[in-house]
């Protein structure tokens, strides 16, 4: 199980052994897709650490997605440490296995991407 450090909705990803997907939960309840009545699930999940700044006095945040940082790629019940890099705003983000340096090839299917502010990164829990 992955507990994301998002107190506004207490989001979690639960690995489902049967379907080999990550089921999405909020407030300890499965998030159900209104269109098909099924639990929202993902074949892949990327969790990215990134910097941010407050955009205005309302507390809106802008994530700093240009540059490089670390994270995790969740696949088939494993959390693989990664690095990520993005050169320009309209460009693609590249994900690399932190240990091997090789670019990650993701499974076919839906992918969940979470941007975790670097000051909350230590609160991320992967069990």
N, C-alpha and C. Protein backbone atom coordinates (compact mmCIF):
# COMPACT_ATOMS: atom_id res chain seq x y z
N UNK A 1 0.85 -1.17 0.00
CA UNK A 1 0.00 0.00 0.00
C UNK A 1 0.90 1.24 0.00
N UNK A 2 0.43 2.27 -0.71
CA UNK A 2 1.14 3.54 -0.77
C UNK A 2 0.22 4.60 -0.18
N UNK A 3 0.71 5.27 0.86
CA UNK A 3 -0.02 6.39 1.46
C UNK A 3 0.65 7.66 0.99
N UNK A 4 -0.10 8.40 0.18
CA UNK A 4 0.43 9.66 -0.36
C UNK A 4 0.24 10.76 0.67
N UNK A 5 1.20 11.69 0.77
CA UNK A 5 1.11 12.74 1.80
C UNK A 5 0.20 13.89 1.39
N UNK A 6 -1.06 13.55 1.10
CA UNK A 6 -2.05 14.53 0.68
C UNK A 6 -3.18 14.57 1.72
N UNK A 7 -3.05 15.40 2.75
CA UNK A 7 -4.06 15.40 3.81
C UNK A 7 -5.44 15.87 3.35
N UNK A 8 -5.52 16.57 2.22
CA UNK A 8 -6.81 17.08 1.74
C UNK A 8 -7.73 15.97 1.26
N UNK A 9 -7.20 14.78 0.92
CA UNK A 9 -8.08 13.68 0.51
C UNK A 9 -7.59 12.31 0.98
N UNK A 10 -6.48 12.28 1.72
CA UNK A 10 -5.94 11.04 2.28
C UNK A 10 -5.85 9.92 1.23
N UNK A 11 -5.30 10.24 0.07
CA UNK A 11 -5.26 9.29 -1.03
C UNK A 11 -4.24 8.18 -0.82
N UNK A 12 -4.62 6.99 -1.29
CA UNK A 12 -3.79 5.80 -1.17
C UNK A 12 -3.90 4.98 -2.46
N UNK A 13 -2.88 4.20 -2.72
CA UNK A 13 -2.89 3.23 -3.81
C UNK A 13 -2.71 1.85 -3.19
N UNK A 14 -3.65 0.96 -3.46
CA UNK A 14 -3.60 -0.42 -2.93
C UNK A 14 -3.32 -1.36 -4.10
N UNK A 15 -2.27 -2.16 -3.96
CA UNK A 15 -1.97 -3.10 -5.04
C UNK A 15 -2.95 -4.26 -4.98
N UNK A 16 -3.56 -4.57 -6.12
CA UNK A 16 -4.53 -5.65 -6.23
C UNK A 16 -3.85 -6.82 -6.93
N UNK A 17 -3.56 -7.87 -6.17
CA UNK A 17 -2.85 -9.05 -6.71
C UNK A 17 -3.62 -9.71 -7.85
N UNK A 18 -4.95 -9.75 -7.75
CA UNK A 18 -5.77 -10.41 -8.78
C UNK A 18 -5.66 -9.72 -10.12
N UNK A 19 -5.82 -8.39 -10.12
CA UNK A 19 -5.85 -7.64 -11.36
C UNK A 19 -4.48 -7.10 -11.76
N UNK A 20 -3.51 -7.17 -10.84
CA UNK A 20 -2.16 -6.62 -11.06
C UNK A 20 -2.22 -5.12 -11.35
N UNK A 21 -3.15 -4.43 -10.63
CA UNK A 21 -3.30 -2.99 -10.79
C UNK A 21 -3.25 -2.33 -9.41
N UNK A 22 -3.13 -1.01 -9.43
CA UNK A 22 -3.16 -0.21 -8.21
C UNK A 22 -4.53 0.45 -8.12
N UNK A 23 -5.29 0.09 -7.08
CA UNK A 23 -6.61 0.64 -6.86
C UNK A 23 -6.49 1.93 -6.06
N UNK A 24 -7.26 2.94 -6.46
CA UNK A 24 -7.18 4.25 -5.85
C UNK A 24 -8.22 4.41 -4.75
N UNK A 25 -7.78 4.91 -3.59
CA UNK A 25 -8.64 5.12 -2.44
C UNK A 25 -8.52 6.56 -1.96
N UNK A 26 -9.62 7.10 -1.46
CA UNK A 26 -9.63 8.39 -0.77
C UNK A 26 -10.43 8.22 0.51
N UNK A 27 -9.94 8.79 1.61
CA UNK A 27 -10.62 8.70 2.90
C UNK A 27 -10.96 7.25 3.27
N UNK A 28 -10.04 6.33 3.01
CA UNK A 28 -10.19 4.90 3.33
C UNK A 28 -11.32 4.21 2.55
N UNK A 29 -11.77 4.83 1.45
CA UNK A 29 -12.81 4.21 0.64
C UNK A 29 -12.33 4.12 -0.81
N UNK A 30 -12.69 3.03 -1.46
CA UNK A 30 -12.35 2.87 -2.87
C UNK A 30 -13.01 3.99 -3.67
N UNK A 31 -12.27 4.55 -4.60
CA UNK A 31 -12.81 5.59 -5.48
C UNK A 31 -13.48 4.89 -6.66
N UNK A 32 -14.77 5.08 -6.81
CA UNK A 32 -15.55 4.39 -7.84
C UNK A 32 -15.76 5.33 -9.03
N UNK A 33 -15.46 4.82 -10.22
CA UNK A 33 -15.66 5.58 -11.46
C UNK A 33 -17.16 5.69 -11.73
N UNK A 34 -17.63 6.93 -11.86
CA UNK A 34 -19.07 7.16 -12.07
C UNK A 34 -19.56 6.62 -13.40
N UNK A 35 -18.68 6.47 -14.39
CA UNK A 35 -19.11 6.00 -15.71
C UNK A 35 -19.34 4.50 -15.76
N UNK A 36 -18.47 3.73 -15.10
CA UNK A 36 -18.62 2.27 -15.21
C UNK A 36 -18.89 1.57 -13.88
N UNK A 37 -18.90 2.32 -12.77
CA UNK A 37 -19.18 1.72 -11.47
C UNK A 37 -18.06 0.86 -10.91
N UNK A 38 -16.91 0.88 -11.56
CA UNK A 38 -15.76 0.08 -11.13
C UNK A 38 -14.79 0.95 -10.33
N UNK A 39 -13.97 0.29 -9.52
CA UNK A 39 -12.94 1.02 -8.78
C UNK A 39 -11.93 1.61 -9.76
N UNK A 40 -11.51 2.82 -9.49
CA UNK A 40 -10.51 3.47 -10.33
C UNK A 40 -9.17 2.77 -10.09
N UNK A 41 -8.58 2.25 -11.14
CA UNK A 41 -7.33 1.50 -10.98
C UNK A 41 -6.36 1.84 -12.10
N UNK A 42 -5.09 1.55 -11.83
CA UNK A 42 -4.01 1.92 -12.73
C UNK A 42 -3.03 0.78 -12.86
N UNK A 43 -2.51 0.57 -14.06
CA UNK A 43 -1.50 -0.45 -14.31
C UNK A 43 -0.13 0.00 -13.83
N UNK A 44 0.12 1.32 -13.91
CA UNK A 44 1.39 1.91 -13.49
C UNK A 44 1.09 3.09 -12.57
N UNK A 45 2.07 3.40 -11.72
CA UNK A 45 1.99 4.63 -10.92
C UNK A 45 3.39 5.23 -10.84
N UNK A 46 3.44 6.53 -11.00
CA UNK A 46 4.68 7.29 -10.87
C UNK A 46 4.47 8.28 -9.73
N UNK A 47 5.41 8.31 -8.81
CA UNK A 47 5.37 9.29 -7.73
C UNK A 47 6.63 10.13 -7.86
N UNK A 48 6.44 11.42 -8.12
CA UNK A 48 7.56 12.32 -8.38
C UNK A 48 7.73 13.33 -7.24
N UNK A 49 8.95 13.46 -6.75
CA UNK A 49 9.29 14.52 -5.82
C UNK A 49 9.63 15.76 -6.64
N UNK A 50 9.10 16.91 -6.24
CA UNK A 50 9.43 18.13 -6.98
C UNK A 50 9.27 19.35 -6.08
N UNK A 51 9.98 20.39 -6.46
CA UNK A 51 9.86 21.65 -5.76
C UNK A 51 8.57 22.35 -6.14
N UNK A 52 8.26 23.42 -5.44
CA UNK A 52 7.04 24.17 -5.71
C UNK A 52 7.18 25.57 -5.12
N UNK A 53 6.26 26.42 -5.49
CA UNK A 53 6.16 27.72 -4.84
C UNK A 53 4.70 28.11 -4.79
N UNK A 54 4.36 28.96 -3.82
CA UNK A 54 2.98 29.44 -3.72
C UNK A 54 2.73 30.48 -4.79
N UNK A 55 1.67 30.25 -5.55
CA UNK A 55 1.34 31.11 -6.68
C UNK A 55 0.71 32.43 -6.26
N UNK A 56 -0.12 32.40 -5.21
CA UNK A 56 -0.80 33.61 -4.77
C UNK A 56 -1.16 33.50 -3.29
N UNK A 57 -1.87 34.48 -2.78
CA UNK A 57 -2.24 34.51 -1.37
C UNK A 57 -3.32 33.50 -1.00
N UNK A 58 -3.91 32.82 -1.98
CA UNK A 58 -4.94 31.81 -1.72
C UNK A 58 -4.34 30.44 -1.43
N UNK A 59 -3.03 30.31 -1.52
CA UNK A 59 -2.38 29.04 -1.24
C UNK A 59 -2.23 28.14 -2.46
N UNK A 60 -2.57 28.62 -3.65
CA UNK A 60 -2.39 27.83 -4.87
C UNK A 60 -0.90 27.60 -5.10
N UNK A 61 -0.57 26.40 -5.52
CA UNK A 61 0.83 26.04 -5.70
C UNK A 61 1.15 25.85 -7.18
N UNK A 62 2.38 26.18 -7.54
CA UNK A 62 2.92 25.89 -8.87
C UNK A 62 4.07 24.91 -8.65
N UNK A 63 4.01 23.76 -9.30
CA UNK A 63 5.07 22.77 -9.18
C UNK A 63 6.17 23.08 -10.18
N UNK A 64 7.40 22.92 -9.72
CA UNK A 64 8.57 23.14 -10.56
C UNK A 64 8.91 21.83 -11.26
N UNK A 65 8.41 21.68 -12.47
CA UNK A 65 8.56 20.42 -13.21
C UNK A 65 9.66 20.47 -14.26
N UNK A 66 10.39 21.57 -14.33
CA UNK A 66 11.51 21.65 -15.25
C UNK A 66 12.77 21.36 -14.46
N UNK A 67 13.56 20.40 -14.91
CA UNK A 67 14.76 20.00 -14.19
C UNK A 67 14.77 18.50 -13.98
N UNK A 68 15.25 18.09 -12.82
CA UNK A 68 15.36 16.66 -12.52
C UNK A 68 15.19 16.45 -11.02
N UNK A 69 14.73 15.26 -10.66
CA UNK A 69 14.56 14.90 -9.25
C UNK A 69 14.37 13.39 -9.17
N UNK A 70 13.90 12.92 -8.02
CA UNK A 70 13.75 11.48 -7.82
C UNK A 70 12.28 11.10 -7.65
N UNK A 71 12.03 9.81 -7.48
CA UNK A 71 10.68 9.33 -7.29
C UNK A 71 10.63 7.82 -7.26
N UNK A 72 9.44 7.29 -7.54
CA UNK A 72 9.22 5.84 -7.58
C UNK A 72 8.34 5.50 -8.78
N UNK A 73 8.62 4.35 -9.34
CA UNK A 73 7.75 3.75 -10.36
C UNK A 73 7.15 2.52 -9.71
N UNK A 74 5.83 2.48 -9.61
CA UNK A 74 5.13 1.34 -9.03
C UNK A 74 4.62 0.45 -10.14
N UNK A 75 5.03 -0.80 -10.11
CA UNK A 75 4.61 -1.76 -11.12
C UNK A 75 4.62 -3.15 -10.54
N UNK A 76 3.55 -3.90 -10.79
CA UNK A 76 3.45 -5.30 -10.39
C UNK A 76 3.83 -5.53 -8.93
N UNK A 77 3.38 -4.62 -8.06
CA UNK A 77 3.60 -4.78 -6.63
C UNK A 77 4.97 -4.34 -6.13
N UNK A 78 5.77 -3.75 -7.00
CA UNK A 78 7.11 -3.31 -6.60
C UNK A 78 7.21 -1.79 -6.70
N UNK A 79 8.03 -1.21 -5.84
CA UNK A 79 8.33 0.22 -5.89
C UNK A 79 9.79 0.36 -6.32
N UNK A 80 10.00 0.82 -7.53
CA UNK A 80 11.34 0.94 -8.10
C UNK A 80 11.78 2.40 -7.98
N UNK A 81 12.90 2.67 -7.29
CA UNK A 81 13.41 4.04 -7.22
C UNK A 81 13.79 4.53 -8.61
N UNK A 82 13.40 5.77 -8.91
CA UNK A 82 13.66 6.35 -10.23
C UNK A 82 14.22 7.76 -10.08
N UNK A 83 14.72 8.26 -11.20
CA UNK A 83 14.97 9.68 -11.36
C UNK A 83 14.10 10.11 -12.53
N UNK A 84 13.78 11.39 -12.57
CA UNK A 84 13.01 11.91 -13.69
C UNK A 84 13.66 13.21 -14.16
N UNK A 85 13.43 13.53 -15.42
CA UNK A 85 14.00 14.75 -16.00
C UNK A 85 13.05 15.32 -17.04
N UNK A 86 12.98 16.65 -17.05
CA UNK A 86 12.15 17.36 -18.04
C UNK A 86 12.90 18.64 -18.40
N UNK A 87 13.12 18.86 -19.69
CA UNK A 87 13.94 19.97 -20.15
C UNK A 87 13.13 21.25 -20.39
N UNK A 88 11.93 21.09 -20.94
CA UNK A 88 11.13 22.28 -21.26
C UNK A 88 9.67 22.05 -20.92
N UNK A 89 8.94 23.14 -20.70
CA UNK A 89 7.56 23.06 -20.26
C UNK A 89 6.69 22.18 -21.15
N UNK A 90 6.79 22.32 -22.45
CA UNK A 90 5.96 21.55 -23.37
C UNK A 90 6.60 20.21 -23.73
N UNK A 91 7.72 19.90 -23.14
CA UNK A 91 8.43 18.66 -23.47
C UNK A 91 7.97 17.47 -22.65
N UNK A 92 8.47 16.33 -23.02
CA UNK A 92 8.17 15.07 -22.37
C UNK A 92 8.99 14.92 -21.09
N UNK A 93 8.44 14.25 -20.10
CA UNK A 93 9.19 13.89 -18.91
C UNK A 93 9.76 12.49 -19.11
N UNK A 94 11.04 12.34 -18.81
CA UNK A 94 11.72 11.05 -18.94
C UNK A 94 11.90 10.44 -17.56
N UNK A 95 11.68 9.13 -17.47
CA UNK A 95 11.81 8.41 -16.21
C UNK A 95 12.89 7.35 -16.36
N UNK A 96 13.81 7.30 -15.37
CA UNK A 96 14.94 6.37 -15.44
C UNK A 96 15.02 5.55 -14.16
N UNK A 97 15.37 4.27 -14.32
CA UNK A 97 15.64 3.42 -13.18
C UNK A 97 16.87 3.99 -12.47
N UNK A 98 16.72 4.31 -11.19
CA UNK A 98 17.80 4.97 -10.45
C UNK A 98 19.04 4.09 -10.36
N UNK A 99 18.85 2.79 -10.26
CA UNK A 99 19.97 1.86 -10.11
C UNK A 99 20.72 1.64 -11.41
N UNK A 100 20.00 1.44 -12.51
CA UNK A 100 20.64 1.08 -13.77
C UNK A 100 20.86 2.26 -14.70
N UNK A 101 20.08 3.34 -14.51
CA UNK A 101 20.15 4.50 -15.40
C UNK A 101 19.37 4.32 -16.69
N UNK A 102 18.77 3.14 -16.88
CA UNK A 102 18.01 2.88 -18.10
C UNK A 102 16.64 3.55 -18.04
N UNK A 103 16.16 4.00 -19.21
CA UNK A 103 14.84 4.58 -19.27
C UNK A 103 13.80 3.49 -18.99
N UNK A 104 12.78 3.86 -18.25
CA UNK A 104 11.74 2.91 -17.87
C UNK A 104 10.76 2.72 -19.03
N UNK A 105 10.40 1.47 -19.27
CA UNK A 105 9.33 1.13 -20.21
C UNK A 105 8.13 0.75 -19.35
N UNK A 106 7.05 1.51 -19.47
CA UNK A 106 5.88 1.25 -18.65
C UNK A 106 4.98 0.21 -19.28
N UNK A 107 4.19 -0.42 -18.43
CA UNK A 107 3.20 -1.39 -18.88
C UNK A 107 2.12 -0.68 -19.69
N UNK A 108 1.51 -1.38 -20.62
CA UNK A 108 0.37 -0.85 -21.35
C UNK A 108 -0.79 -0.71 -20.37
N UNK A 109 -1.44 0.43 -20.37
CA UNK A 109 -2.57 0.65 -19.49
C UNK A 109 -2.51 2.04 -18.87
N UNK A 110 -3.49 2.33 -18.03
CA UNK A 110 -3.57 3.65 -17.39
C UNK A 110 -2.42 3.85 -16.42
N UNK A 111 -1.96 5.10 -16.33
CA UNK A 111 -0.87 5.46 -15.42
C UNK A 111 -1.30 6.60 -14.52
N UNK A 112 -1.08 6.42 -13.23
CA UNK A 112 -1.35 7.46 -12.23
C UNK A 112 -0.03 8.17 -11.96
N UNK A 113 -0.05 9.51 -11.97
CA UNK A 113 1.14 10.28 -11.65
C UNK A 113 0.82 11.22 -10.50
N UNK A 114 1.62 11.13 -9.43
CA UNK A 114 1.45 12.01 -8.28
C UNK A 114 2.67 12.90 -8.16
N UNK A 115 2.43 14.20 -8.03
CA UNK A 115 3.50 15.17 -7.78
C UNK A 115 3.50 15.46 -6.29
N UNK A 116 4.57 15.08 -5.61
CA UNK A 116 4.67 15.26 -4.17
C UNK A 116 5.64 16.39 -3.89
N UNK A 117 5.18 17.45 -3.21
CA UNK A 117 6.09 18.54 -2.88
C UNK A 117 7.28 18.03 -2.08
N UNK A 118 8.45 18.52 -2.40
CA UNK A 118 9.68 18.03 -1.77
C UNK A 118 9.65 18.19 -0.25
N UNK A 119 8.95 19.18 0.27
CA UNK A 119 8.90 19.34 1.73
C UNK A 119 7.99 18.31 2.40
N UNK A 120 7.19 17.56 1.63
CA UNK A 120 6.35 16.48 2.17
C UNK A 120 6.84 15.09 1.78
N UNK A 121 7.93 15.02 1.03
CA UNK A 121 8.43 13.74 0.52
C UNK A 121 8.66 12.73 1.65
N UNK A 122 9.17 13.16 2.77
CA UNK A 122 9.46 12.24 3.89
C UNK A 122 8.19 11.63 4.48
N UNK A 123 7.04 12.22 4.19
CA UNK A 123 5.76 11.69 4.71
C UNK A 123 5.16 10.63 3.79
N UNK A 124 5.77 10.41 2.63
CA UNK A 124 5.32 9.36 1.73
C UNK A 124 5.57 8.00 2.38
N UNK A 125 4.58 7.11 2.34
CA UNK A 125 4.72 5.79 2.94
C UNK A 125 4.45 4.71 1.90
N UNK A 126 5.44 3.86 1.67
CA UNK A 126 5.29 2.73 0.75
C UNK A 126 5.54 1.46 1.54
N UNK A 127 4.51 0.64 1.64
CA UNK A 127 4.60 -0.61 2.43
C UNK A 127 4.59 -1.82 1.53
